[in-house]
Amino acid sequence: MMTSIYKVAVVQASPVFMDLDATVEKTIELIEKAAKENAKLIAFPECWIPGYPWWIWLNAPINNLKYIQTYHENCLVLDSESFNKIKESAKINNIFVSLGASEKDHGSLYISQFLFSDQGELIQARRKLKPTHVERTLFGEGDGSDLDVFETELGNIGQLSCWEHLQPLTKYTMFSKHEQVHIGCWPSFSCYPQAFSLGPELNNALSQVYAAEGQCFVLAPCGIVSPEMIDLMVENEEQGEMLKKGGGHAQIFAPDGSPMCTKLAEDAEGLIFADIDLGLINIAKSFADPVGHYARPDVTRLWFNPSQQPVASQFCLEDEEQETEEVQLTKHSDE
């Protein structure tokens, strides 16, 4: 049975940077804290485990090799002991969990989001469709199967990371699946303070506009750059101008785009809460439904490939031989 009115929690915090075990423990502590406040869903920032690799923005790739081994060793592996601890915490605390993580799959890393039910079931494991800018020096890509929305007792839930909210076709794909609760996770807004496009004003606006365009609730967790992270990554004065501490701007938006929370200070850790009522979506949809009464598919429409794209596919030799025989028969009939 679907619950239409409930409390949600959004994280604004820094991880224990590049320390998988310690960040998992911090994750569980935040899950327990949200559950004690009767939240039914908690959302974590992008690459929360083991922390967003800000060093990719500070150096040429060759100079970042010194971080690679440690980072890989502390990324989250699907179905690992660390992964299962978080699943179990979701079950014990009877809470849905949206977890941002750098996922390790053998030799490759992916910017991933995992959605767990309040029974500890894995509902979704998705990967960022296209890593942004220098992220492509470290992370691989997702595919169309990573754009999906899931029916749950809390409504239709979907997830995207960071600048996926700047991709019009990606957003429309999600809207077409009738999303009601959207988790849009962010890493922090303290890198390249000179660049307006990377700052909080624009990127909070992306979450806000997503809510208004899709007439859905948007949970926008956001990471923080801690002083310890600055000490580890910033090696000179020039880099100190590129990455600042803080950068937290977590928020929750209603289906009409209105902010639902008072923001924390940008260097403050904590949870923000909001009570959401899925019934309010009906009011917002009555004004504009981009995949319903406000759509014009006779003029513009989206083509979407939802299939997985494996790097290797098996085939049966018998099938190949049969195909060859069919081609030969076709040739003979033509003659």
Protein backbone atom coordinates (compact mmCIF):
# COMPACT_ATOMS: atom_id res chain seq x y z
CA MET A 1 0.00 0.00 0.00
CA MET A 2 1.37 3.38 -1.01
CA THR A 3 2.05 6.02 1.64
CA SER A 4 1.23 9.49 0.31
CA ILE A 5 2.34 11.70 3.24
CA TYR A 6 5.67 11.09 4.96
CA LYS A 7 8.93 12.67 6.12
CA VAL A 8 12.16 12.62 4.10
CA ALA A 9 15.74 13.43 5.09
CA VAL A 10 18.56 14.86 2.99
CA VAL A 11 22.24 14.69 3.93
CA GLN A 12 24.68 17.59 3.93
CA ALA A 13 28.01 16.31 5.19
CA SER A 14 31.55 15.30 4.29
CA PRO A 15 32.64 11.67 4.11
CA VAL A 16 35.64 10.28 5.92
CA PHE A 17 37.56 10.92 2.74
CA MET A 18 38.94 7.89 0.91
CA ASP A 19 38.20 5.66 3.91
CA LEU A 20 35.57 3.09 2.95
CA ASP A 21 35.06 1.50 6.37
CA ALA A 22 34.82 4.78 8.26
CA THR A 23 32.44 6.32 5.71
CA VAL A 24 30.19 3.25 5.84
CA GLU A 25 30.02 3.66 9.62
CA LYS A 26 29.17 7.35 9.20
CA THR A 27 26.52 6.38 6.65
CA ILE A 28 24.88 4.03 9.11
CA GLU A 29 24.96 6.69 11.84
CA LEU A 30 23.14 9.14 9.56
CA ILE A 31 20.60 6.48 8.57
CA GLU A 32 19.90 5.80 12.25
CA LYS A 33 19.58 9.52 12.98
CA ALA A 34 17.08 10.01 10.14
CA ALA A 35 15.06 6.98 11.27
CA LYS A 36 14.85 8.32 14.82
CA GLU A 37 13.23 11.43 13.36
CA ASN A 38 10.67 9.16 11.66
CA ALA A 39 11.97 9.81 8.14
CA LYS A 40 10.92 7.19 5.59
CA LEU A 41 13.63 8.05 3.04
CA ILE A 42 17.18 9.41 3.34
CA ALA A 43 19.29 10.65 0.43
CA PHE A 44 23.10 10.90 0.32
CA PRO A 45 25.35 13.09 -1.91
CA GLU A 46 27.13 12.15 -5.12
CA CYS A 47 30.15 9.87 -4.59
CA TRP A 48 29.46 9.97 -0.85
CA ILE A 49 31.46 6.76 -0.53
CA PRO A 50 34.44 7.23 -0.41
CA GLY A 51 34.13 10.93 -1.29
CA TYR A 52 34.12 12.89 -4.53
CA PRO A 53 37.64 12.90 -6.07
CA TRP A 54 38.17 16.63 -6.23
CA TRP A 55 41.81 16.12 -7.20
CA ILE A 56 40.73 15.45 -10.78
CA TRP A 57 39.91 19.18 -11.04
CA LEU A 58 43.22 20.33 -9.55
CA ASN A 59 45.87 18.49 -11.57
CA ALA A 60 46.76 17.08 -14.94
CA PRO A 61 45.78 13.37 -15.01
CA ILE A 62 49.40 12.19 -14.78
CA ASN A 63 49.78 14.01 -11.47
CA ASN A 64 46.75 12.21 -10.02
CA LEU A 65 48.17 8.72 -10.32
CA LYS A 66 49.30 8.98 -6.70
CA TYR A 67 45.64 8.90 -5.61
CA ILE A 68 44.41 6.10 -7.87
CA GLN A 69 45.31 2.98 -5.88
CA THR A 70 43.97 4.28 -2.57
CA TYR A 71 40.80 5.60 -4.20
CA HIS A 72 40.10 2.31 -6.00
CA GLU A 73 40.67 0.30 -2.83
CA ASN A 74 38.10 2.40 -0.97
CA CYS A 75 35.33 2.51 -3.57
CA LEU A 76 32.13 0.54 -3.04
CA VAL A 77 31.71 -2.89 -4.65
CA LEU A 78 28.24 -4.26 -5.33
CA ASP A 79 27.29 -7.04 -2.90
CA SER A 80 30.47 -6.60 -0.84
CA GLU A 81 30.51 -6.71 2.95
CA SER A 82 30.45 -2.90 3.12
CA PHE A 83 27.57 -2.76 0.65
CA ASN A 84 25.57 -5.31 2.61
CA LYS A 85 26.08 -3.40 5.87
CA ILE A 86 24.17 -0.48 4.36
CA LYS A 87 21.44 -2.77 3.03
CA GLU A 88 21.07 -4.24 6.50
CA SER A 89 20.94 -0.79 8.09
CA ALA A 90 18.07 0.18 5.78
CA LYS A 91 16.18 -2.92 6.91
CA ILE A 92 16.93 -2.54 10.62
CA ASN A 93 15.90 1.12 10.59
CA ASN A 94 12.89 0.58 8.32
CA ILE A 95 13.92 3.35 5.93
CA PHE A 96 14.49 3.75 2.20
CA VAL A 97 18.09 4.79 1.38
CA SER A 98 19.40 6.55 -1.72
CA LEU A 99 23.18 6.21 -1.65
CA GLY A 100 25.65 8.01 -3.89
CA ALA A 101 28.93 6.16 -4.33
CA SER A 102 31.98 5.67 -6.50
CA GLU A 103 31.36 2.10 -7.56
CA LYS A 104 34.23 -0.26 -8.37
CA ASP A 105 33.47 -2.96 -10.92
CA HIS A 106 36.67 -4.92 -11.42
CA GLY A 107 39.10 -2.45 -13.05
CA SER A 108 36.66 0.41 -13.67
CA LEU A 109 34.93 3.02 -11.56
CA TYR A 110 31.46 4.49 -12.03
CA ILE A 111 29.53 7.36 -10.46
CA SER A 112 26.65 5.33 -9.07
CA GLN A 113 23.47 5.61 -7.06
CA PHE A 114 21.89 2.76 -5.14
CA LEU A 115 18.32 2.71 -3.91
CA PHE A 116 17.42 0.36 -1.04
CA SER A 117 13.94 -0.34 0.27
CA ASP A 118 13.01 -0.25 3.94
CA GLN A 119 13.30 -4.07 3.84
CA GLY A 120 16.92 -3.90 2.74
CA GLU A 121 16.16 -4.86 -0.86
CA LEU A 122 18.20 -3.32 -3.67
CA ILE A 123 15.67 -1.55 -5.89
CA GLN A 124 18.11 0.14 -8.25
CA ALA A 125 21.82 0.24 -8.98
CA ARG A 126 22.43 2.93 -11.59
CA ARG A 127 25.43 4.65 -13.14
CA LYS A 128 25.80 8.23 -14.30
CA LEU A 129 25.09 8.19 -18.01
CA LYS A 130 27.97 10.52 -18.95
CA PRO A 131 30.62 11.67 -16.47
CA THR A 132 31.17 15.42 -16.63
CA HIS A 133 34.32 17.05 -18.02
CA VAL A 134 37.41 15.77 -16.14
CA GLU A 135 35.34 13.07 -14.43
CA ARG A 136 35.91 11.15 -17.67
CA THR A 137 39.58 10.72 -16.73
CA LEU A 138 38.48 8.46 -13.85
CA PHE A 139 34.96 7.15 -14.40
CA GLY A 140 33.17 5.03 -16.99
CA GLU A 141 29.69 5.58 -18.45
CA GLY A 142 26.26 4.15 -17.84
CA ASP A 143 23.66 3.23 -20.48
CA GLY A 144 19.95 3.57 -21.13
CA SER A 145 19.08 0.98 -18.49
CA ASP A 146 20.29 3.48 -15.87
CA LEU A 147 17.43 5.88 -16.64
CA ASP A 148 14.48 4.42 -14.79
CA VAL A 149 11.78 5.13 -12.23
CA PHE A 150 10.52 2.55 -9.73
CA GLU A 151 7.10 2.05 -8.18
CA THR A 152 7.45 1.82 -4.40
CA GLU A 153 5.22 2.27 -1.38
CA LEU A 154 6.60 5.84 -1.21
CA GLY A 155 5.58 6.57 -4.80
CA ASN A 156 7.49 6.50 -8.08
CA ILE A 157 11.15 7.14 -7.23
CA GLY A 158 13.97 8.07 -9.63
CA GLN A 159 17.59 9.19 -9.30
CA LEU A 160 20.11 11.29 -11.23
CA SER A 161 23.54 12.69 -10.41
CA CYS A 162 24.79 16.26 -10.62
CA TRP A 163 24.87 17.62 -14.18
CA GLU A 164 22.59 14.91 -15.50
CA HIS A 165 20.09 17.61 -14.49
CA LEU A 166 21.56 19.75 -17.28
CA GLN A 167 20.62 17.16 -19.94
CA PRO A 168 17.16 17.96 -21.39
CA LEU A 169 16.62 14.55 -23.00
CA THR A 170 17.68 12.70 -19.87
CA LYS A 171 15.25 14.73 -17.80
CA TYR A 172 12.41 14.16 -20.25
CA THR A 173 13.05 10.42 -20.16
CA MET A 174 12.58 10.50 -16.39
CA PHE A 175 9.48 12.67 -16.65
CA SER A 176 7.98 10.21 -19.16
CA LYS A 177 8.11 7.52 -16.46
CA HIS A 178 5.83 9.61 -14.18
CA GLU A 179 8.36 10.25 -11.44
CA GLN A 180 6.94 11.52 -8.15
CA VAL A 181 10.01 11.63 -5.90
CA HIS A 182 13.35 12.46 -7.46
CA ILE A 183 16.75 12.22 -5.79
CA GLY A 184 19.26 14.53 -7.46
CA CYS A 185 22.60 14.15 -5.68
CA TRP A 186 25.43 16.69 -5.74
CA PRO A 187 29.07 16.58 -4.56
CA SER A 188 29.60 20.17 -3.23
CA PHE A 189 29.71 23.63 -4.77
CA SER A 190 33.16 24.80 -3.70
CA CYS A 191 35.30 23.93 -6.73
CA TYR A 192 36.34 26.69 -9.14
CA PRO A 193 34.52 29.50 -7.30
CA GLN A 194 35.21 31.73 -10.32
CA ALA A 195 32.97 29.52 -12.50
CA PHE A 196 29.32 30.51 -12.10
CA SER A 197 28.18 27.31 -13.83
CA LEU A 198 29.72 25.20 -11.02
CA GLY A 199 28.34 27.29 -8.18
CA PRO A 200 25.35 26.89 -5.86
CA GLU A 201 23.06 29.48 -7.44
CA LEU A 202 22.89 27.77 -10.82
CA ASN A 203 22.96 24.18 -9.59
CA ASN A 204 20.34 24.64 -6.89
CA ALA A 205 18.28 26.19 -9.67
CA LEU A 206 18.70 23.01 -11.75
CA SER A 207 17.13 20.99 -8.93
CA GLN A 208 14.42 23.59 -8.47
CA VAL A 209 13.55 23.72 -12.16
CA TYR A 210 13.54 19.91 -12.32
CA ALA A 211 10.84 19.93 -9.64
CA ALA A 212 8.78 22.50 -11.52
CA GLU A 213 9.26 20.89 -14.95
CA GLY A 214 8.49 17.38 -13.76
CA GLN A 215 5.96 18.35 -11.08
CA CYS A 216 7.73 16.12 -8.58
CA PHE A 217 9.43 16.41 -5.21
CA VAL A 218 13.21 16.79 -5.54
CA LEU A 219 15.60 15.78 -2.78
CA ALA A 220 18.98 17.41 -3.40
CA PRO A 221 21.65 16.08 -0.97
CA CYS A 222 25.00 17.81 -1.14
CA GLY A 223 28.48 16.99 0.05
CA ILE A 224 30.93 19.21 1.92
CA VAL A 225 34.65 19.67 1.38
CA SER A 226 36.16 19.26 4.84
CA PRO A 227 39.39 20.90 6.11
CA GLU A 228 40.95 17.41 6.11
CA MET A 229 40.16 17.05 2.41
CA ILE A 230 41.77 20.42 1.72
CA ASP A 231 44.89 19.35 3.61
CA LEU A 232 45.10 16.15 1.58
CA MET A 233 44.48 17.54 -1.91
CA VAL A 234 45.54 21.19 -1.99
CA GLU A 235 49.29 21.31 -2.56
CA ASN A 236 49.91 24.95 -3.48
CA GLU A 237 48.41 28.42 -3.49
CA GLU A 238 46.99 28.06 -7.00
CA GLN A 239 45.09 24.91 -6.05
CA GLY A 240 43.89 26.65 -2.91
CA GLU A 241 42.07 29.11 -5.16
CA MET A 242 40.46 26.25 -7.07
CA LEU A 243 39.00 24.31 -4.14
CA LYS A 244 37.53 25.82 -0.99
CA LYS A 245 36.15 24.14 2.11
CA GLY A 246 32.40 23.89 2.60
CA GLY A 247 30.19 24.12 -0.46
CA GLY A 248 27.16 22.44 1.10
CA HIS A 249 23.82 23.60 -0.31
CA ALA A 250 21.38 20.74 0.34
CA GLN A 251 17.70 21.45 -0.27
CA ILE A 252 14.31 19.85 -0.87
CA PHE A 253 11.90 21.24 -3.47
CA ALA A 254 8.14 20.87 -3.84
CA PRO A 255 6.39 20.04 -7.16
CA ASP A 256 5.79 23.73 -7.82
CA GLY A 257 9.52 24.43 -7.43
CA SER A 258 9.28 26.05 -4.01
CA PRO A 259 12.07 25.35 -1.46
CA MET A 260 10.83 23.35 1.53
CA CYS A 261 13.73 23.81 3.95
CA THR A 262 15.92 26.43 5.55
CA LYS A 263 19.44 25.74 4.33
CA LEU A 264 22.26 24.77 6.65
CA ALA A 265 25.43 26.87 6.65
CA GLU A 266 27.57 25.71 3.74
CA ASP A 267 30.24 24.24 6.03
CA ALA A 268 27.73 22.70 8.48
CA GLU A 269 26.99 18.98 8.64
CA GLY A 270 23.54 17.67 9.31
CA LEU A 271 20.21 16.49 7.97
CA ILE A 272 17.40 18.60 6.60
CA PHE A 273 13.84 17.26 6.76
CA ALA A 274 10.57 17.88 4.97
CA ASP A 275 7.11 16.38 5.06
CA ILE A 276 6.00 15.57 1.54
CA ASP A 277 2.45 15.01 0.34
CA LEU A 278 2.23 13.22 -3.00
CA GLY A 279 -1.27 14.62 -3.43
CA LEU A 280 0.24 18.04 -4.15
CA ILE A 281 1.57 16.65 -7.42
CA ASN A 282 -1.99 16.61 -8.77
CA ILE A 283 -2.23 20.36 -8.31
CA ALA A 284 1.10 20.98 -10.06
CA LYS A 285 0.15 18.60 -12.90
CA SER A 286 -3.12 20.45 -13.46
CA PHE A 287 -1.05 23.43 -14.60
CA ALA A 288 1.53 21.61 -16.72
CA ASP A 289 2.18 17.94 -17.43
CA PRO A 290 5.02 17.71 -19.99
CA VAL A 291 4.26 14.06 -20.83
CA GLY A 292 0.48 14.41 -20.69
CA HIS A 293 -1.90 17.26 -21.48
CA TYR A 294 0.95 19.75 -22.01
CA ALA A 295 2.82 17.55 -24.53
CA ARG A 296 2.79 17.76 -28.35
CA PRO A 297 4.16 14.41 -29.57
CA ASP A 298 2.93 15.20 -33.08
CA VAL A 299 5.53 18.00 -33.17
CA THR A 300 8.40 16.81 -30.93
CA ARG A 301 9.03 13.46 -29.28
CA LEU A 302 11.91 11.59 -27.64
CA TRP A 303 13.56 8.38 -28.82
CA PHE A 304 15.00 6.39 -25.94
CA ASN A 305 17.06 3.18 -25.88
CA PRO A 306 16.58 1.53 -22.45
CA SER A 307 18.65 -1.57 -23.13
CA GLN A 308 21.90 -2.55 -21.44
CA GLN A 309 25.05 -2.35 -23.56
CA PRO A 310 27.34 -5.28 -22.64
CA VAL A 311 30.93 -5.17 -23.88
CA ALA A 312 30.74 -8.84 -24.91
CA SER A 313 27.77 -10.93 -26.05
CA GLN A 314 27.59 -14.69 -26.42
CA PHE A 315 26.32 -16.37 -29.55
CA CYS A 316 25.61 -19.97 -30.50
CA LEU A 317 27.57 -21.54 -33.37
CA GLU A 318 24.48 -23.53 -34.38
CA ASP A 319 22.57 -20.29 -34.86
CA GLU A 320 25.38 -18.96 -37.04
CA GLU A 321 25.37 -22.13 -39.19
CA GLN A 322 21.59 -21.92 -39.57
CA GLU A 323 21.90 -18.28 -40.59
CA THR A 324 24.51 -19.25 -43.23
CA GLU A 325 22.21 -21.96 -44.61
CA GLU A 326 19.33 -19.47 -44.84
CA VAL A 327 21.54 -17.04 -46.76
CA GLN A 328 22.61 -19.82 -49.16
CA LEU A 329 19.00 -20.88 -49.72
CA THR A 330 18.07 -17.29 -50.45
CA LYS A 331 20.87 -17.04 -53.00
CA HIS A 332 19.78 -20.27 -54.73
CA SER A 333 16.16 -19.12 -54.89
CA ASP A 334 17.30 -15.84 -56.45
CA GLU A 335 19.16 -17.78 -59.11
